[in-house]
C-alpha atoms as a PDB file:
ATOM      1  CA  UNK A   1       6.477  -4.357  23.650  1.00  0.00           C
ATOM      2  CA  UNK A   2       3.264  -6.092  24.119  1.00  0.00           C
ATOM      3  CA  UNK A   3      -0.355  -5.814  22.662  1.00  0.00           C
ATOM      4  CA  UNK A   4      -2.854  -4.299  24.884  1.00  0.00           C
ATOM      5  CA  UNK A   5      -6.217  -3.102  23.488  1.00  0.00           C
ATOM      6  CA  UNK A   6      -7.441  -3.702  20.001  1.00  0.00           C
ATOM      7  CA  UNK A   7      -7.719  -0.158  18.596  1.00  0.00           C
ATOM      8  CA  UNK A   8      -8.795  -0.913  15.091  1.00  0.00           C
ATOM      9  CA  UNK A   9      -9.667  -3.915  12.737  1.00  0.00           C
ATOM     10  CA  UNK A  10      -9.675  -3.377   9.097  1.00  0.00           C
ATOM     11  CA  UNK A  11      -9.990  -5.584   5.950  1.00  0.00           C
ATOM     12  CA  UNK A  12      -6.266  -6.872   6.231  1.00  0.00           C
ATOM     13  CA  UNK A  13      -4.991  -5.753   9.683  1.00  0.00           C
ATOM     14  CA  UNK A  14      -5.467  -5.251  13.362  1.00  0.00           C
ATOM     15  CA  UNK A  15      -4.137  -2.448  15.397  1.00  0.00           C
ATOM     16  CA  UNK A  16      -3.402  -2.751  18.989  1.00  0.00           C
ATOM     17  CA  UNK A  17      -2.221  -0.109  21.628  1.00  0.00           C
ATOM     18  CA  UNK A  18       0.977  -0.740  23.545  1.00  0.00           C
ATOM     19  CA  UNK A  19       2.426   0.550  26.810  1.00  0.00           C
ATOM     20  CA  UNK A  20       3.708   3.545  24.921  1.00  0.00           C
ATOM     21  CA  UNK A  21       0.888   5.811  23.852  1.00  0.00           C
ATOM     22  CA  UNK A  22       2.983   6.769  20.807  1.00  0.00           C
ATOM     23  CA  UNK A  23       3.519   3.283  19.540  1.00  0.00           C
ATOM     24  CA  UNK A  24       0.971   0.786  18.167  1.00  0.00           C
ATOM     25  CA  UNK A  25       1.349  -2.950  16.978  1.00  0.00           C
ATOM     26  CA  UNK A  26      -0.091  -3.750  13.588  1.00  0.00           C
ATOM     27  CA  UNK A  27      -0.985  -7.466  13.055  1.00  0.00           C
ATOM     28  CA  UNK A  28      -1.431  -8.691   9.448  1.00  0.00           C
ATOM     29  CA  UNK A  29      -4.236 -11.082   8.668  1.00  0.00           C
ATOM     30  CA  UNK A  30      -4.700 -13.737   5.913  1.00  0.00           C
ATOM     31  CA  UNK A  31      -8.096 -12.219   5.072  1.00  0.00           C
ATOM     32  CA  UNK A  32      -8.631 -10.950   1.545  1.00  0.00           C
ATOM     33  CA  UNK A  33     -11.258  -8.589   0.235  1.00  0.00           C
ATOM     34  CA  UNK A  34     -11.870  -6.928  -3.127  1.00  0.00           C
ATOM     35  CA  UNK A  35     -14.287  -4.375  -4.635  1.00  0.00           C
ATOM     36  CA  UNK A  36     -14.725  -2.446  -1.331  1.00  0.00           C
ATOM     37  CA  UNK A  37     -15.393  -5.786   0.467  1.00  0.00           C
ATOM     38  CA  UNK A  38     -17.992  -7.169  -1.668  1.00  0.00           C
ATOM     39  CA  UNK A  39     -15.669 -10.192  -2.421  1.00  0.00           C
ATOM     40  CA  UNK A  40     -13.998 -11.796   0.606  1.00  0.00           C
ATOM     41  CA  UNK A  41     -11.688 -14.821   0.999  1.00  0.00           C
ATOM     42  CA  UNK A  42      -8.469 -16.002   2.573  1.00  0.00           C
ATOM     43  CA  UNK A  43      -4.920 -16.113   1.097  1.00  0.00           C
ATOM     44  CA  UNK A  44      -2.804 -18.387   3.241  1.00  0.00           C
ATOM     45  CA  UNK A  45       0.338 -17.073   4.479  1.00  0.00           C
ATOM     46  CA  UNK A  46      -0.658 -13.433   3.061  1.00  0.00           C
ATOM     47  CA  UNK A  47      -0.303 -11.713   6.544  1.00  0.00           C
ATOM     48  CA  UNK A  48       3.281 -12.920   7.108  1.00  0.00           C
ATOM     49  CA  UNK A  49       4.418 -12.135   3.514  1.00  0.00           C
ATOM     50  CA  UNK A  50       2.724  -8.669   3.596  1.00  0.00           C
ATOM     51  CA  UNK A  51       4.332  -7.905   6.951  1.00  0.00           C
ATOM     52  CA  UNK A  52       7.609  -8.694   5.889  1.00  0.00           C
ATOM     53  CA  UNK A  53       7.546  -7.317   2.668  1.00  0.00           C
ATOM     54  CA  UNK A  54       6.171  -3.894   3.863  1.00  0.00           C
ATOM     55  CA  UNK A  55       8.973  -3.706   6.464  1.00  0.00           C
ATOM     56  CA  UNK A  56      11.850  -4.331   4.054  1.00  0.00           C
ATOM     57  CA  UNK A  57      10.387  -1.787   1.503  1.00  0.00           C
ATOM     58  CA  UNK A  58       9.692   0.924   4.032  1.00  0.00           C
ATOM     59  CA  UNK A  59      13.142   0.403   5.772  1.00  0.00           C
ATOM     60  CA  UNK A  60      14.664   0.941   2.193  1.00  0.00           C
ATOM     61  CA  UNK A  61      12.381   4.146   1.671  1.00  0.00           C
ATOM     62  CA  UNK A  62      13.582   5.488   4.960  1.00  0.00           C
ATOM     63  CA  UNK A  63      17.108   5.335   3.877  1.00  0.00           C
ATOM     64  CA  UNK A  64      16.363   6.954   0.750  1.00  0.00           C
ATOM     65  CA  UNK A  65      14.641  10.072   2.460  1.00  0.00           C
ATOM     66  CA  UNK A  66      10.956   8.948   2.671  1.00  0.00           C
ATOM     67  CA  UNK A  67       9.793   8.896   6.437  1.00  0.00           C
ATOM     68  CA  UNK A  68       7.540   6.059   7.411  1.00  0.00           C
ATOM     69  CA  UNK A  69       5.770   4.914  10.516  1.00  0.00           C
ATOM     70  CA  UNK A  70       8.052   1.851  10.813  1.00  0.00           C
ATOM     71  CA  UNK A  71       9.804   1.225  14.050  1.00  0.00           C
ATOM     72  CA  UNK A  72      10.734  -2.457  13.979  1.00  0.00           C
ATOM     73  CA  UNK A  73       9.253  -5.898  13.084  1.00  0.00           C
ATOM     74  CA  UNK A  74       8.291  -7.932  16.004  1.00  0.00           C
ATOM     75  CA  UNK A  75       7.721 -11.241  14.546  1.00  0.00           C
ATOM     76  CA  UNK A  76       6.372 -12.814  11.298  1.00  0.00           C
ATOM     77  CA  UNK A  77       2.872 -11.112  11.594  1.00  0.00           C
ATOM     78  CA  UNK A  78       3.460  -8.163  13.774  1.00  0.00           C
ATOM     79  CA  UNK A  79       5.186  -4.890  13.486  1.00  0.00           C
ATOM     80  CA  UNK A  80       5.849  -1.929  15.869  1.00  0.00           C
ATOM     81  CA  UNK A  81       4.882   1.281  14.190  1.00  0.00           C
ATOM     82  CA  UNK A  82       4.534   4.978  15.322  1.00  0.00           C
ATOM     83  CA  UNK A  83       1.205   6.115  16.120  1.00  0.00           C
ATOM     84  CA  UNK A  84      -0.378   8.307  13.347  1.00  0.00           C
ATOM     85  CA  UNK A  85      -3.585   9.897  12.469  1.00  0.00           C
ATOM     86  CA  UNK A  86      -4.332   8.600   8.972  1.00  0.00           C
ATOM     87  CA  UNK A  87      -4.977  11.182   6.279  1.00  0.00           C
ATOM     88  CA  UNK A  88      -8.292  10.009   4.723  1.00  0.00           C
ATOM     89  CA  UNK A  89      -6.815   9.940   1.371  1.00  0.00           C
ATOM     90  CA  UNK A  90      -5.982   6.860  -0.801  1.00  0.00           C
ATOM     91  CA  UNK A  91      -2.817   7.918  -2.923  1.00  0.00           C
ATOM     92  CA  UNK A  92      -2.652   6.069  -6.118  1.00  0.00           C
ATOM     93  CA  UNK A  93       0.357   6.137  -8.629  1.00  0.00           C
ATOM     94  CA  UNK A  94       0.056   4.416 -11.968  1.00  0.00           C
ATOM     95  CA  UNK A  95       2.712   3.722 -14.500  1.00  0.00           C
ATOM     96  CA  UNK A  96       0.649   1.429 -16.746  1.00  0.00           C
ATOM     97  CA  UNK A  97      -3.143   1.330 -17.465  1.00  0.00           C
ATOM     98  CA  UNK A  98      -4.770  -1.310 -15.450  1.00  0.00           C
ATOM     99  CA  UNK A  99      -7.758  -1.847 -13.061  1.00  0.00           C
ATOM    100  CA  UNK A 100     -10.186   0.827 -12.377  1.00  0.00           C
ATOM    101  CA  UNK A 101      -8.156   3.334 -14.602  1.00  0.00           C
ATOM    102  CA  UNK A 102      -8.829   1.170 -17.685  1.00  0.00           C
ATOM    103  CA  UNK A 103     -12.526   0.653 -16.797  1.00  0.00           C
ATOM    104  CA  UNK A 104     -13.167   4.220 -16.027  1.00  0.00           C
ATOM    105  CA  UNK A 105     -11.473   5.676 -19.024  1.00  0.00           C
ATOM    106  CA  UNK A 106     -11.566   3.012 -21.711  1.00  0.00           C
ATOM    107  CA  UNK A 107      -7.993   2.447 -22.024  1.00  0.00           C
ATOM    108  CA  UNK A 108      -6.620  -1.016 -22.723  1.00  0.00           C
ATOM    109  CA  UNK A 109      -4.928  -2.645 -19.906  1.00  0.00           C
ATOM    110  CA  UNK A 110      -1.112  -2.620 -20.475  1.00  0.00           C
ATOM    111  CA  UNK A 111      -0.829   0.747 -22.103  1.00  0.00           C
ATOM    112  CA  UNK A 112       2.480   2.326 -20.631  1.00  0.00           C
ATOM    113  CA  UNK A 113       1.969   6.075 -19.680  1.00  0.00           C
ATOM    114  CA  UNK A 114       4.673   8.582 -20.778  1.00  0.00           C
ATOM    115  CA  UNK A 115       4.744   9.650 -17.134  1.00  0.00           C
ATOM    116  CA  UNK A 116       3.373   8.426 -13.920  1.00  0.00           C
ATOM    117  CA  UNK A 117      -0.223   9.399 -13.150  1.00  0.00           C
ATOM    118  CA  UNK A 118      -1.083  10.642  -9.559  1.00  0.00           C
ATOM    119  CA  UNK A 119      -4.609  10.108  -8.170  1.00  0.00           C
ATOM    120  CA  UNK A 120      -6.312  10.824  -4.938  1.00  0.00           C
ATOM    121  CA  UNK A 121      -9.534   9.221  -3.690  1.00  0.00           C
ATOM    122  CA  UNK A 122     -11.520   9.978  -0.488  1.00  0.00           C
ATOM    123  CA  UNK A 123     -10.980   7.014   1.919  1.00  0.00           C
ATOM    124  CA  UNK A 124     -14.512   6.389   2.691  1.00  0.00           C
ATOM    125  CA  UNK A 125     -16.020   2.878   1.922  1.00  0.00           C
ATOM    126  CA  UNK A 126     -19.520   4.034   2.293  1.00  0.00           C
ATOM    127  CA  UNK A 127     -19.168   6.415  -0.523  1.00  0.00           C
ATOM    128  CA  UNK A 128     -17.071   4.012  -2.783  1.00  0.00           C
ATOM    129  CA  UNK A 129     -13.736   5.855  -2.162  1.00  0.00           C
ATOM    130  CA  UNK A 130     -14.488   8.609  -4.794  1.00  0.00           C
ATOM    131  CA  UNK A 131     -11.762  10.301  -6.877  1.00  0.00           C
ATOM    132  CA  UNK A 132     -11.186  13.915  -5.813  1.00  0.00           C
ATOM    133  CA  UNK A 133      -8.677  16.666  -6.632  1.00  0.00           C
ATOM    134  CA  UNK A 134      -6.891  18.952  -4.320  1.00  0.00           C
ATOM    135  CA  UNK A 135      -9.582  21.522  -4.218  1.00  0.00           C
ATOM    136  CA  UNK A 136     -12.059  18.759  -3.025  1.00  0.00           C
ATOM    137  CA  UNK A 137      -9.743  17.739  -0.419  1.00  0.00           C
ATOM    138  CA  UNK A 138      -9.154  21.195   0.806  1.00  0.00           C
ATOM    139  CA  UNK A 139     -13.028  21.840   0.770  1.00  0.00           C
ATOM    140  CA  UNK A 140     -13.532  18.685   2.910  1.00  0.00           C
ATOM    141  CA  UNK A 141     -10.689  19.622   5.190  1.00  0.00           C
ATOM    142  CA  UNK A 142      -8.763  16.397   4.632  1.00  0.00           C
ATOM    143  CA  UNK A 143      -5.477  17.953   4.362  1.00  0.00           C
ATOM    144  CA  UNK A 144      -3.716  21.265   3.858  1.00  0.00           C
ATOM    145  CA  UNK A 145      -2.301  22.698   0.455  1.00  0.00           C
ATOM    146  CA  UNK A 146       1.251  22.138   1.947  1.00  0.00           C
ATOM    147  CA  UNK A 147       0.420  18.428   3.080  1.00  0.00           C
ATOM    148  CA  UNK A 148      -1.030  17.648  -0.389  1.00  0.00           C
ATOM    149  CA  UNK A 149       1.987  18.802  -2.047  1.00  0.00           C
ATOM    150  CA  UNK A 150       4.233  16.995   0.275  1.00  0.00           C
ATOM    151  CA  UNK A 151       2.072  13.870  -0.233  1.00  0.00           C
ATOM    152  CA  UNK A 152       2.425  14.198  -3.937  1.00  0.00           C
ATOM    153  CA  UNK A 153       6.227  14.652  -3.748  1.00  0.00           C
ATOM    154  CA  UNK A 154       6.631  11.605  -1.471  1.00  0.00           C
ATOM    155  CA  UNK A 155       4.334   9.353  -3.558  1.00  0.00           C
ATOM    156  CA  UNK A 156       6.179  10.115  -6.775  1.00  0.00           C
ATOM    157  CA  UNK A 157       9.534   9.463  -5.066  1.00  0.00           C
ATOM    158  CA  UNK A 158       8.127   6.130  -3.614  1.00  0.00           C
ATOM    159  CA  UNK A 159       7.225   5.332  -7.209  1.00  0.00           C
ATOM    160  CA  UNK A 160      10.735   6.039  -8.551  1.00  0.00           C
ATOM    161  CA  UNK A 161      12.282   3.961  -5.720  1.00  0.00           C
ATOM    162  CA  UNK A 162       9.922   1.002  -5.961  1.00  0.00           C
ATOM    163  CA  UNK A 163      10.308   0.816  -9.677  1.00  0.00           C
ATOM    164  CA  UNK A 164      13.990   0.464  -9.378  1.00  0.00           C
ATOM    165  CA  UNK A 165      13.628  -2.084  -6.410  1.00  0.00           C
ATOM    166  CA  UNK A 166      11.104  -4.309  -8.384  1.00  0.00           C
ATOM    167  CA  UNK A 167      12.893  -3.882 -11.699  1.00  0.00           C
ATOM    168  CA  UNK A 168      16.094  -5.325 -10.111  1.00  0.00           C
ATOM    169  CA  UNK A 169      14.101  -8.597  -9.441  1.00  0.00           C
ATOM    170  CA  UNK A 170      12.353  -8.906 -12.936  1.00  0.00           C
ATOM    171  CA  UNK A 171       8.997  -7.330 -11.743  1.00  0.00           C
ATOM    172  CA  UNK A 172       7.167  -4.544 -13.345  1.00  0.00           C
ATOM    173  CA  UNK A 173       5.442  -2.053 -10.970  1.00  0.00           C
ATOM    174  CA  UNK A 174       2.178  -1.374 -12.736  1.00  0.00           C
ATOM    175  CA  UNK A 175       0.619   0.864  -9.913  1.00  0.00           C
ATOM    176  CA  UNK A 176       0.076   1.016  -6.231  1.00  0.00           C
ATOM    177  CA  UNK A 177      -1.889   2.688  -3.477  1.00  0.00           C
ATOM    178  CA  UNK A 178      -0.317   4.066  -0.256  1.00  0.00           C
ATOM    179  CA  UNK A 179      -1.526   5.886   2.644  1.00  0.00           C
ATOM    180  CA  UNK A 180       0.021   8.767   4.753  1.00  0.00           C
ATOM    181  CA  UNK A 181      -0.550   9.695   8.461  1.00  0.00           C
ATOM    182  CA  UNK A 182       0.315  12.537  10.769  1.00  0.00           C
ATOM    183  CA  UNK A 183       2.559  11.968  13.802  1.00  0.00           C
ATOM    184  CA  UNK A 184       1.594  13.808  16.919  1.00  0.00           C
ATOM    185  CA  UNK A 185       3.692  16.930  15.842  1.00  0.00           C
ATOM    186  CA  UNK A 186       1.860  16.983  12.450  1.00  0.00           C
ATOM    187  CA  UNK A 187       4.633  15.385  10.561  1.00  0.00           C
ATOM    188  CA  UNK A 188       3.569  13.471   7.387  1.00  0.00           C
ATOM    189  CA  UNK A 189       4.975   9.941   7.194  1.00  0.00           C
ATOM    190  CA  UNK A 190       4.167   7.098   4.921  1.00  0.00           C
ATOM    191  CA  UNK A 191       1.956   4.455   6.724  1.00  0.00           C
ATOM    192  CA  UNK A 192      -0.226   1.553   6.102  1.00  0.00           C
ATOM    193  CA  UNK A 193       1.626  -1.057   3.862  1.00  0.00           C
ATOM    194  CA  UNK A 194       3.285  -1.982   0.627  1.00  0.00           C
ATOM    195  CA  UNK A 195       2.634  -5.424  -0.572  1.00  0.00           C
ATOM    196  CA  UNK A 196       0.884  -7.525  -3.414  1.00  0.00           C
ATOM    197  CA  UNK A 197      -2.413  -6.348  -1.914  1.00  0.00           C
ATOM    198  CA  UNK A 198      -1.677  -2.709  -2.638  1.00  0.00           C
ATOM    199  CA  UNK A 199       0.634  -2.921  -5.653  1.00  0.00           C
ATOM    200  CA  UNK A 200       0.025  -4.271  -9.118  1.00  0.00           C
ATOM    201  CA  UNK A 201       3.069  -6.405  -9.864  1.00  0.00           C
ATOM    202  CA  UNK A 202       3.618  -8.053 -13.292  1.00  0.00           C
ATOM    203  CA  UNK A 203       6.398 -10.467 -14.309  1.00  0.00           C
ATOM    204  CA  UNK A 204       8.673  -8.203 -16.482  1.00  0.00           C
ATOM    205  CA  UNK A 205       9.043 -10.698 -19.305  1.00  0.00           C
ATOM    206  CA  UNK A 206       5.613 -12.645 -19.304  1.00  0.00           C
ATOM    207  CA  UNK A 207       3.343  -9.749 -17.659  1.00  0.00           C
ATOM    208  CA  UNK A 208       2.059 -12.529 -15.593  1.00  0.00           C
ATOM    209  CA  UNK A 209       0.017 -10.962 -12.687  1.00  0.00           C
ATOM    210  CA  UNK A 210       1.779 -11.436  -9.161  1.00  0.00           C
ATOM    211  CA  UNK A 211      -0.490  -9.589  -6.998  1.00  0.00           C
ATOM    212  CA  UNK A 212      -4.199  -9.433  -5.632  1.00  0.00           C
ATOM    213  CA  UNK A 213      -5.651  -9.311  -9.168  1.00  0.00           C
ATOM    214  CA  UNK A 214      -5.201 -13.156  -9.081  1.00  0.00           C
ATOM    215  CA  UNK A 215      -7.794 -13.140  -6.263  1.00  0.00           C
ATOM    216  CA  UNK A 216      -9.935 -10.308  -7.660  1.00  0.00           C
ATOM    217  CA  UNK A 217     -10.191 -12.150 -10.931  1.00  0.00           C
ATOM    218  CA  UNK A 218     -10.388 -15.681  -9.901  1.00  0.00           C
ATOM    219  CA  UNK A 219      -7.063 -16.419 -11.729  1.00  0.00           C
ATOM    220  CA  UNK A 220      -5.847 -19.075  -9.175  1.00  0.00           C
ATOM    221  CA  UNK A 221      -2.356 -19.328  -7.930  1.00  0.00           C
ATOM    222  CA  UNK A 222      -2.774 -16.502  -5.514  1.00  0.00           C
ATOM    223  CA  UNK A 223      -0.670 -17.956  -2.677  1.00  0.00           C
ATOM    224  CA  UNK A 224       2.116 -18.981  -5.146  1.00  0.00           C
ATOM    225  CA  UNK A 225       2.122 -15.511  -6.698  1.00  0.00           C
ATOM    226  CA  UNK A 226       2.619 -13.995  -3.272  1.00  0.00           C
ATOM    227  CA  UNK A 227       5.443 -16.387  -2.229  1.00  0.00           C
ATOM    228  CA  UNK A 228       7.176 -15.862  -5.580  1.00  0.00           C
ATOM    229  CA  UNK A 229       7.247 -11.969  -5.350  1.00  0.00           C
ATOM    230  CA  UNK A 230       8.570 -12.305  -1.881  1.00  0.00           C
ATOM    231  CA  UNK A 231      11.310 -14.772  -2.803  1.00  0.00           C
ATOM    232  CA  UNK A 232      12.354 -12.522  -5.680  1.00  0.00           C
ATOM    233  CA  UNK A 233      12.476  -9.348  -3.265  1.00  0.00           C
ATOM    234  CA  UNK A 234      14.495 -10.977  -0.686  1.00  0.00           C
ATOM    235  CA  UNK A 235      16.859 -12.573  -3.132  1.00  0.00           C
ATOM    236  CA  UNK A 236      17.611  -9.032  -4.752  1.00  0.00           C
ATOM    237  CA  UNK A 237      17.788  -7.033  -1.465  1.00  0.00           C
END
């Protein structure tokens, strides 16, 4: 399968058409952004790590009953995926207070929740990806009530599975963002990526940050953190 036309270029990936109208090729970049693109930089090797990690995790999730867009990995940076229409919602599950949750609600970073929190935001950079609820999503025509219920169920299932996977390699899953898409027949599947770009990952013992917060907060050691979590994951799977 070969790349044809560039269909879309985002902050972290390029998407190309292929000979098959139902299949696309995703190419991961080393570009890094934060704060809705206000901060920009490069994390060497990030593209290949995020590509491989996403594929490993999505393959595992598929086996556990969560449908995804994954078809197969093509090379270090490129993956063949099913063509989907992205549901314009950012789906966030949090296990521990951090990031925008701590800032928004005045909760100290590191507070562990009694149960996971589920958030939706409108995927719209111009509006700053505002938080919304099911009624807002319905009013905006972003998804049906049935789709919203399914997305919630899948997201919480993903959380439970990822917590086990990361826990097995000494990493705490603080929170994560995922996106879902519709196949041509309307089936909802997990899309986008699962990586240190989209997950907050802390060392289970030291709480050292092993994710894109190192870039966001100028903590240094960004590349080393990405390599470390990839090594831990591959050694445990």
